[in-house]
Amino acid sequence: MDQHALLQTLLAGNDLTGNEMESCMTSIMNGEYSDIAIGAILALLQKKGVTAQELSGACRSMVDKAIKLDLGPAAVDTCGTGGDHSGTFNISTAAAFIACSAGAGIAKHGNRSMTSQCGSADVLEELGMTIDLPPELTAEMYRLTGFAFLFAPLYHPAMKTVAPVRKALGIRTIFNMLGPIANPANVKRQVIGVNTPELIDLYIDTLHENGCQHALVIHGKTENGAPMDEASLCGTTIITELLDGDIIRHVATPEEFGLSRCGIDELKGGSRKENANIIRAILDGSASRAQTEAVLYPAAMACYVAGIASCIDDGLSQVRDALESGTAHTHLTRIMSVNRELADHCRSKAN
């Protein structure tokens, strides 16, 4: 479909097929469309509403254009869409460390903050991690520790093509939806937090379309009913599971997993330094119960999705043991030590 036909289809409010969207996205990232055309396509898609087939096609193109990293079939990504304005600390990043210490392989795809004070890349830097290791050293870090951070700008260089248009538009577009599912390691196991319930089916259907093996798409509520792109200790959590093509839906409360309710104010974060200190406190056992359990909840989900726990309850037992035994703290130290050694090696080669 050429550019004119594509725009006519979208102007009529019609959906694109997955293949049409994949081709469109590839043309955009190859610089084949003018900025005006790209802006029109993005705005019309947003006005119409993005379908699972469109998101799936765009994701295939984005992963195809990415710098690839093969971390094997067991790797799990834990992330959220952001944009819930809840102001929590970096819960999914802390959960990734604890799940990793319990035996889950973590391939965390992330970036600097877009909608909060502190994104995953920001807090990892504050903790002392070099976030932009070359892909081959990131793969080595995963081999040695079971943890890898894939810094999005490093792995998606073609995104530079659309950056000026996205900035000029100033609205959320399909690119905002792609971050959680366009992992360059092409992971087939994911825990994704979404900031609105309308995104649950969109992500589940997209993951299914792209062959995801096991995923949990979650959406929580605070005690006042405000949205959270996290598993919530403050209220209910919608858990939608995709497992080998089957979809299971459940509305969970913290009590059914033996967790205590808390208020959203007990989970507030702040600057990157403040958030890093909260993560350190959780790992060394000096954090509040609310902060600790807010992280154990999604960490347990990651262990379940990784296939090392039979259910979320089993995952909770595993991550609690890892934390209380000191294994999680020791493993974080190991991750940072290996990262530092690899970064030093990279710098010495450059010199």
Protein backbone atom coordinates (compact mmCIF):
# COMPACT_ATOMS: atom_id res chain seq x y z
CA MET A 1 0.00 0.00 0.00
CA ASP A 2 1.53 3.32 -1.05
CA GLN A 3 1.53 6.43 1.13
CA HIS A 4 -1.53 7.97 -0.56
CA ALA A 5 -3.64 4.80 -0.24
CA LEU A 6 -2.52 4.41 3.37
CA LEU A 7 -3.62 7.92 4.28
CA GLN A 8 -6.94 7.47 2.46
CA THR A 9 -7.61 4.28 4.43
CA LEU A 10 -6.90 6.00 7.74
CA LEU A 11 -8.86 9.14 6.79
CA ALA A 12 -11.88 6.90 6.19
CA GLY A 13 -11.45 5.53 9.71
CA ASN A 14 -10.59 2.05 8.47
CA ASP A 15 -8.14 -0.33 10.12
CA LEU A 16 -4.90 -1.53 8.57
CA THR A 17 -4.02 -5.21 8.42
CA GLY A 18 -1.04 -6.39 10.43
CA ASN A 19 1.05 -6.70 7.27
CA GLU A 20 0.06 -3.22 6.10
CA MET A 21 1.02 -1.75 9.46
CA GLU A 22 4.31 -3.65 9.47
CA SER A 23 5.14 -2.31 6.01
CA CYS A 24 4.08 1.21 7.02
CA MET A 25 6.24 1.17 10.15
CA THR A 26 9.24 -0.12 8.22
CA SER A 27 8.84 2.68 5.67
CA ILE A 28 8.59 5.24 8.47
CA MET A 29 11.76 4.02 10.18
CA ASN A 30 13.61 3.77 6.85
CA GLY A 31 12.94 7.48 6.29
CA GLU A 32 10.78 6.86 3.21
CA TYR A 33 7.92 9.12 4.36
CA SER A 34 8.03 12.87 4.89
CA ASP A 35 7.63 14.25 8.40
CA ILE A 36 4.22 15.63 7.41
CA ALA A 37 3.05 12.19 6.26
CA ILE A 38 4.42 10.52 9.42
CA GLY A 39 2.63 13.06 11.61
CA ALA A 40 -0.63 12.50 9.73
CA ILE A 41 -0.35 8.71 9.98
CA LEU A 42 0.38 8.80 13.71
CA ALA A 43 -2.43 11.27 14.44
CA LEU A 44 -4.99 9.36 12.34
CA LEU A 45 -4.07 6.05 13.98
CA GLN A 46 -4.52 7.64 17.39
CA LYS A 47 -7.87 9.20 16.46
CA LYS A 48 -9.17 5.92 15.02
CA GLY A 49 -7.79 3.76 17.82
CA VAL A 50 -4.97 1.26 17.37
CA THR A 51 -6.01 -2.37 16.90
CA ALA A 52 -4.14 -5.46 18.08
CA GLN A 53 -3.28 -6.37 14.48
CA GLU A 54 -1.85 -2.89 13.90
CA LEU A 55 0.13 -2.93 17.14
CA SER A 56 1.36 -6.44 16.36
CA GLY A 57 2.50 -5.43 12.87
CA ALA A 58 4.24 -2.31 14.17
CA CYS A 59 5.95 -4.38 16.86
CA ARG A 60 7.24 -6.92 14.33
CA SER A 61 8.74 -4.10 12.28
CA MET A 62 10.31 -2.41 15.31
CA VAL A 63 11.89 -5.64 16.57
CA ASP A 64 13.07 -6.48 13.06
CA LYS A 65 14.80 -3.08 12.79
CA ALA A 66 16.29 -3.35 16.29
CA ILE A 67 19.79 -4.49 17.17
CA LYS A 68 19.10 -8.10 18.14
CA LEU A 69 20.10 -9.87 21.33
CA ASP A 70 19.56 -13.61 21.82
CA LEU A 71 19.14 -14.40 25.51
CA GLY A 72 17.31 -17.69 25.06
CA PRO A 73 13.67 -18.71 25.52
CA ALA A 74 13.45 -18.34 29.31
CA ALA A 75 14.10 -14.59 29.58
CA VAL A 76 11.34 -12.46 31.14
CA ASP A 77 10.66 -8.73 30.79
CA THR A 78 8.92 -6.82 33.59
CA CYS A 79 7.68 -3.36 32.67
CA GLY A 80 4.78 -0.95 32.68
CA THR A 81 3.29 1.50 30.25
CA GLY A 82 3.80 4.38 32.67
CA GLY A 83 1.43 7.30 32.60
CA ASP A 84 -0.64 6.37 35.65
CA HIS A 85 0.52 9.50 37.54
CA SER A 86 0.57 7.52 40.80
CA GLY A 87 4.08 8.71 41.69
CA THR A 88 5.27 5.33 42.96
CA PHE A 89 8.94 4.36 43.16
CA ASN A 90 10.41 2.01 40.53
CA ILE A 91 8.48 -1.08 41.60
CA SER A 92 8.97 -3.22 38.49
CA THR A 93 12.74 -2.56 38.47
CA ALA A 94 13.08 -3.62 42.11
CA ALA A 95 10.87 -6.64 41.39
CA ALA A 96 13.16 -7.63 38.51
CA PHE A 97 16.17 -7.83 40.84
CA ILE A 98 14.36 -10.00 43.39
CA ALA A 99 12.86 -12.31 40.77
CA CYS A 100 16.32 -12.69 39.24
CA SER A 101 17.80 -13.61 42.62
CA ALA A 102 15.14 -16.33 42.93
CA GLY A 103 16.18 -17.84 39.59
CA ALA A 104 14.23 -16.00 36.89
CA GLY A 105 16.18 -14.74 33.88
CA ILE A 106 15.42 -11.04 33.44
CA ALA A 107 15.81 -9.09 30.18
CA LYS A 108 14.54 -5.66 31.19
CA HIS A 109 13.86 -3.31 28.28
CA GLY A 110 13.70 0.28 29.48
CA ASN A 111 14.43 3.94 29.02
CA ARG A 112 14.80 7.18 30.88
CA SER A 113 11.74 8.76 32.41
CA MET A 114 8.97 9.83 30.04
CA THR A 115 6.03 10.32 32.41
CA SER A 116 7.59 10.26 35.90
CA GLN A 117 10.53 11.72 37.79
CA CYS A 118 12.58 8.56 37.44
CA GLY A 119 12.53 5.84 34.78
CA SER A 120 14.14 2.40 35.01
CA ALA A 121 17.31 3.61 33.28
CA ASP A 122 17.57 6.57 35.67
CA VAL A 123 17.31 4.49 38.84
CA LEU A 124 19.68 1.81 37.53
CA GLU A 125 22.28 4.48 36.82
CA GLU A 126 21.79 5.86 40.33
CA LEU A 127 22.35 2.35 41.72
CA GLY A 128 25.68 2.30 39.87
CA MET A 129 24.86 0.38 36.70
CA THR A 130 26.30 1.25 33.30
CA ILE A 131 23.11 1.07 31.25
CA ASP A 132 24.56 1.29 27.74
CA LEU A 133 26.90 -1.69 27.57
CA PRO A 134 27.37 -2.99 24.00
CA PRO A 135 24.98 -5.84 23.15
CA GLU A 136 27.67 -8.52 23.32
CA LEU A 137 28.60 -7.46 26.86
CA THR A 138 24.95 -7.23 27.86
CA ALA A 139 24.57 -10.84 26.69
CA GLU A 140 27.63 -11.78 28.76
CA MET A 141 26.15 -10.03 31.80
CA TYR A 142 22.97 -12.06 31.37
CA ARG A 143 25.00 -15.27 31.08
CA LEU A 144 26.88 -14.50 34.28
CA THR A 145 24.06 -13.08 36.42
CA GLY A 146 20.71 -13.83 34.77
CA PHE A 147 20.04 -10.08 34.49
CA ALA A 148 20.30 -7.79 31.47
CA PHE A 149 19.18 -4.22 30.93
CA LEU A 150 18.43 -3.32 27.32
CA PHE A 151 18.59 0.48 27.03
CA ALA A 152 15.98 1.28 24.39
CA PRO A 153 17.79 4.09 22.49
CA LEU A 154 20.83 1.83 22.02
CA TYR A 155 18.82 -1.02 20.52
CA HIS A 156 16.35 1.00 18.43
CA PRO A 157 18.52 3.44 16.43
CA ALA A 158 15.84 3.75 13.73
CA MET A 159 13.61 5.51 16.26
CA LYS A 160 15.72 8.64 15.77
CA THR A 161 13.90 9.11 12.46
CA VAL A 162 10.56 9.77 14.16
CA ALA A 163 11.80 11.58 17.28
CA PRO A 164 11.31 15.13 15.88
CA VAL A 165 7.80 14.32 14.64
CA ARG A 166 6.77 12.76 17.96
CA LYS A 167 8.08 15.79 19.83
CA ALA A 168 6.31 18.22 17.50
CA LEU A 169 3.00 16.33 17.77
CA GLY A 170 3.11 16.35 21.56
CA ILE A 171 0.52 13.56 21.89
CA ARG A 172 0.68 9.88 22.76
CA THR A 173 1.00 7.72 19.65
CA ILE A 174 1.43 4.08 18.73
CA PHE A 175 5.12 4.44 19.64
CA ASN A 176 4.17 4.93 23.29
CA MET A 177 2.39 1.57 23.16
CA LEU A 178 5.34 -0.26 21.59
CA GLY A 179 7.91 0.17 24.37
CA PRO A 180 6.63 -2.63 26.63
CA ILE A 181 6.40 -5.19 23.81
CA ALA A 182 9.31 -4.35 21.47
CA ASN A 183 12.06 -5.99 23.53
CA PRO A 184 15.12 -6.50 21.27
CA ALA A 185 15.66 -9.92 22.87
CA ASN A 186 12.26 -10.90 21.42
CA VAL A 187 11.20 -12.30 24.79
CA LYS A 188 8.25 -14.67 24.91
CA ARG A 189 7.55 -14.23 28.63
CA GLN A 190 6.36 -10.90 30.05
CA VAL A 191 4.72 -9.13 32.98
CA ILE A 192 3.23 -5.86 31.71
CA GLY A 193 1.47 -3.26 33.83
CA VAL A 194 -0.97 -1.03 31.94
CA ASN A 195 -2.31 2.35 33.03
CA THR A 196 -5.88 1.83 31.83
CA PRO A 197 -8.10 -1.27 31.62
CA GLU A 198 -8.80 -0.50 27.95
CA LEU A 199 -5.22 -1.53 27.16
CA ILE A 200 -5.49 -5.00 28.70
CA ASP A 201 -7.11 -6.77 25.76
CA LEU A 202 -5.06 -4.77 23.25
CA TYR A 203 -1.82 -6.02 24.79
CA ILE A 204 -3.04 -9.57 25.39
CA ASP A 205 -4.26 -9.89 21.80
CA THR A 206 -1.03 -8.37 20.46
CA LEU A 207 1.14 -10.70 22.54
CA HIS A 208 -0.95 -13.64 21.37
CA GLU A 209 -0.63 -12.51 17.75
CA ASN A 210 3.16 -12.33 18.08
CA GLY A 211 3.58 -15.76 19.66
CA CYS A 212 4.14 -14.89 23.31
CA GLN A 213 4.31 -18.07 25.41
CA HIS A 214 3.34 -16.78 28.85
CA ALA A 215 2.35 -13.27 29.92
CA LEU A 216 0.48 -11.46 32.65
CA VAL A 217 -1.05 -8.10 31.76
CA ILE A 218 -2.05 -6.34 34.96
CA HIS A 219 -3.93 -3.20 35.93
CA GLY A 220 -4.32 -2.09 39.53
CA LYS A 221 -6.44 0.40 41.43
CA THR A 222 -5.53 2.57 44.40
CA GLU A 223 -7.77 2.76 47.46
CA ASN A 224 -9.55 5.69 45.75
CA GLY A 225 -9.99 3.86 42.44
CA ALA A 226 -7.20 5.71 40.64
CA PRO A 227 -5.27 3.67 38.04
CA MET A 228 -1.94 1.94 38.61
CA ASP A 229 0.23 0.22 36.01
CA GLU A 230 1.29 -2.16 38.80
CA ALA A 231 -0.04 -5.03 40.86
CA SER A 232 -1.82 -3.12 43.63
CA LEU A 233 -1.61 -3.48 47.39
CA CYS A 234 -4.05 -0.56 47.66
CA GLY A 235 -7.06 -2.17 45.97
CA THR A 236 -7.89 -4.73 43.32
CA THR A 237 -5.71 -5.87 40.43
CA ILE A 238 -7.05 -7.15 37.13
CA ILE A 239 -4.76 -10.02 36.12
CA THR A 240 -5.16 -11.25 32.55
CA GLU A 241 -3.01 -14.26 31.74
CA LEU A 242 -1.92 -15.56 28.35
CA LEU A 243 -0.53 -19.09 28.58
CA ASP A 244 0.15 -21.16 25.47
CA GLY A 245 -2.68 -19.43 23.61
CA ASP A 246 -5.25 -19.63 26.41
CA ILE A 247 -6.49 -16.45 28.12
CA ILE A 248 -7.55 -16.43 31.78
CA ARG A 249 -8.95 -13.39 33.61
CA HIS A 250 -9.02 -12.78 37.34
CA VAL A 251 -9.60 -9.84 39.68
CA ALA A 252 -7.25 -10.24 42.64
CA THR A 253 -6.96 -8.67 46.07
CA PRO A 254 -3.73 -8.51 48.07
CA GLU A 255 -5.34 -10.53 50.86
CA GLU A 256 -5.76 -13.64 48.69
CA PHE A 257 -1.97 -13.79 48.40
CA GLY A 258 -1.39 -13.11 52.09
CA LEU A 259 -0.32 -9.52 51.46
CA SER A 260 -1.33 -6.50 53.51
CA ARG A 261 -3.22 -3.53 52.09
CA CYS A 262 -1.61 -0.11 52.14
CA GLY A 263 -2.31 3.40 50.95
CA ILE A 264 -0.77 4.73 47.75
CA ASP A 265 1.11 7.36 49.77
CA GLU A 266 3.13 4.52 51.36
CA LEU A 267 4.52 3.67 47.90
CA LYS A 268 5.45 7.16 46.75
CA GLY A 269 8.81 7.69 45.11
CA GLY A 270 10.69 10.82 44.21
CA SER A 271 14.02 11.66 42.64
CA ARG A 272 16.30 9.01 41.20
CA LYS A 273 18.39 9.16 44.39
CA GLU A 274 15.32 8.68 46.58
CA ASN A 275 14.07 5.77 44.47
CA ALA A 276 17.49 4.10 44.46
CA ASN A 277 17.61 4.38 48.24
CA ILE A 278 14.17 2.73 48.51
CA ILE A 279 15.36 -0.18 46.36
CA ARG A 280 18.51 -0.55 48.47
CA ALA A 281 16.37 -0.54 51.62
CA ILE A 282 14.08 -3.24 50.23
CA LEU A 283 17.05 -5.43 49.34
CA ASP A 284 18.78 -4.99 52.71
CA GLY A 285 15.58 -5.51 54.71
CA SER A 286 15.19 -1.99 56.12
CA ALA A 287 12.25 -0.83 53.97
CA SER A 288 8.66 -0.60 55.12
CA ARG A 289 6.37 -3.61 54.85
CA ALA A 290 4.32 -1.82 52.19
CA GLN A 291 7.36 -1.05 50.02
CA THR A 292 8.65 -4.60 50.37
CA GLU A 293 5.38 -6.37 49.61
CA ALA A 294 4.64 -4.02 46.69
CA VAL A 295 7.80 -5.41 45.09
CA LEU A 296 7.36 -9.05 46.14
CA TYR A 297 3.95 -9.16 44.42
CA PRO A 298 5.19 -8.50 40.84
CA ALA A 299 8.43 -10.38 41.51
CA ALA A 300 6.32 -13.45 42.25
CA MET A 301 4.46 -12.90 38.98
CA ALA A 302 7.78 -12.79 37.12
CA CYS A 303 8.84 -16.09 38.69
CA TYR A 304 5.53 -17.64 37.65
CA VAL A 305 5.85 -16.38 34.07
CA ALA A 306 9.48 -17.57 34.00
CA GLY A 307 8.27 -21.09 34.73
CA ILE A 308 10.20 -21.49 37.98
CA ALA A 309 7.06 -21.16 40.13
CA SER A 310 3.86 -23.16 39.69
CA CYS A 311 1.62 -20.18 40.53
CA ILE A 312 1.82 -16.66 41.96
CA ASP A 313 1.53 -18.02 45.52
CA ASP A 314 4.48 -20.32 44.92
CA GLY A 315 6.38 -17.40 43.42
CA LEU A 316 5.71 -15.34 46.55
CA SER A 317 7.25 -18.05 48.71
CA GLN A 318 10.33 -18.10 46.49
CA VAL A 319 10.90 -14.35 46.33
CA ARG A 320 10.20 -13.90 50.05
CA ASP A 321 12.79 -16.58 50.81
CA ALA A 322 15.30 -14.91 48.49
CA LEU A 323 14.78 -11.56 50.22
CA GLU A 324 14.72 -12.77 53.82
CA SER A 325 17.74 -15.06 53.39
CA GLY A 326 19.86 -12.21 52.01
CA THR A 327 20.16 -13.91 48.61
CA ALA A 328 18.50 -10.97 46.85
CA HIS A 329 20.90 -8.44 48.39
CA THR A 330 23.91 -10.60 47.56
CA HIS A 331 22.72 -11.08 44.01
CA LEU A 332 22.21 -7.35 43.46
CA THR A 333 25.80 -6.82 44.61
CA ARG A 334 26.91 -9.51 42.15
CA ILE A 335 24.95 -7.92 39.27
CA MET A 336 26.53 -4.52 39.94
CA SER A 337 30.01 -6.02 40.28
CA VAL A 338 29.77 -7.89 36.98
CA ASN A 339 28.35 -4.81 35.27
CA ARG A 340 31.24 -2.71 36.58
CA GLU A 341 33.83 -5.24 35.36
CA LEU A 342 32.26 -5.39 31.91
CA ALA A 343 32.05 -1.59 31.69
CA ASP A 344 35.73 -1.31 32.69
CA HIS A 345 36.63 -3.87 30.03
CA CYS A 346 34.68 -1.89 27.44
CA ARG A 347 36.45 1.36 28.38
CA SER A 348 39.90 -0.27 28.33
CA LYS A 349 39.26 -1.61 24.82
CA ALA A 350 38.15 1.85 23.69
CA ASN A 351 41.42 3.32 24.94
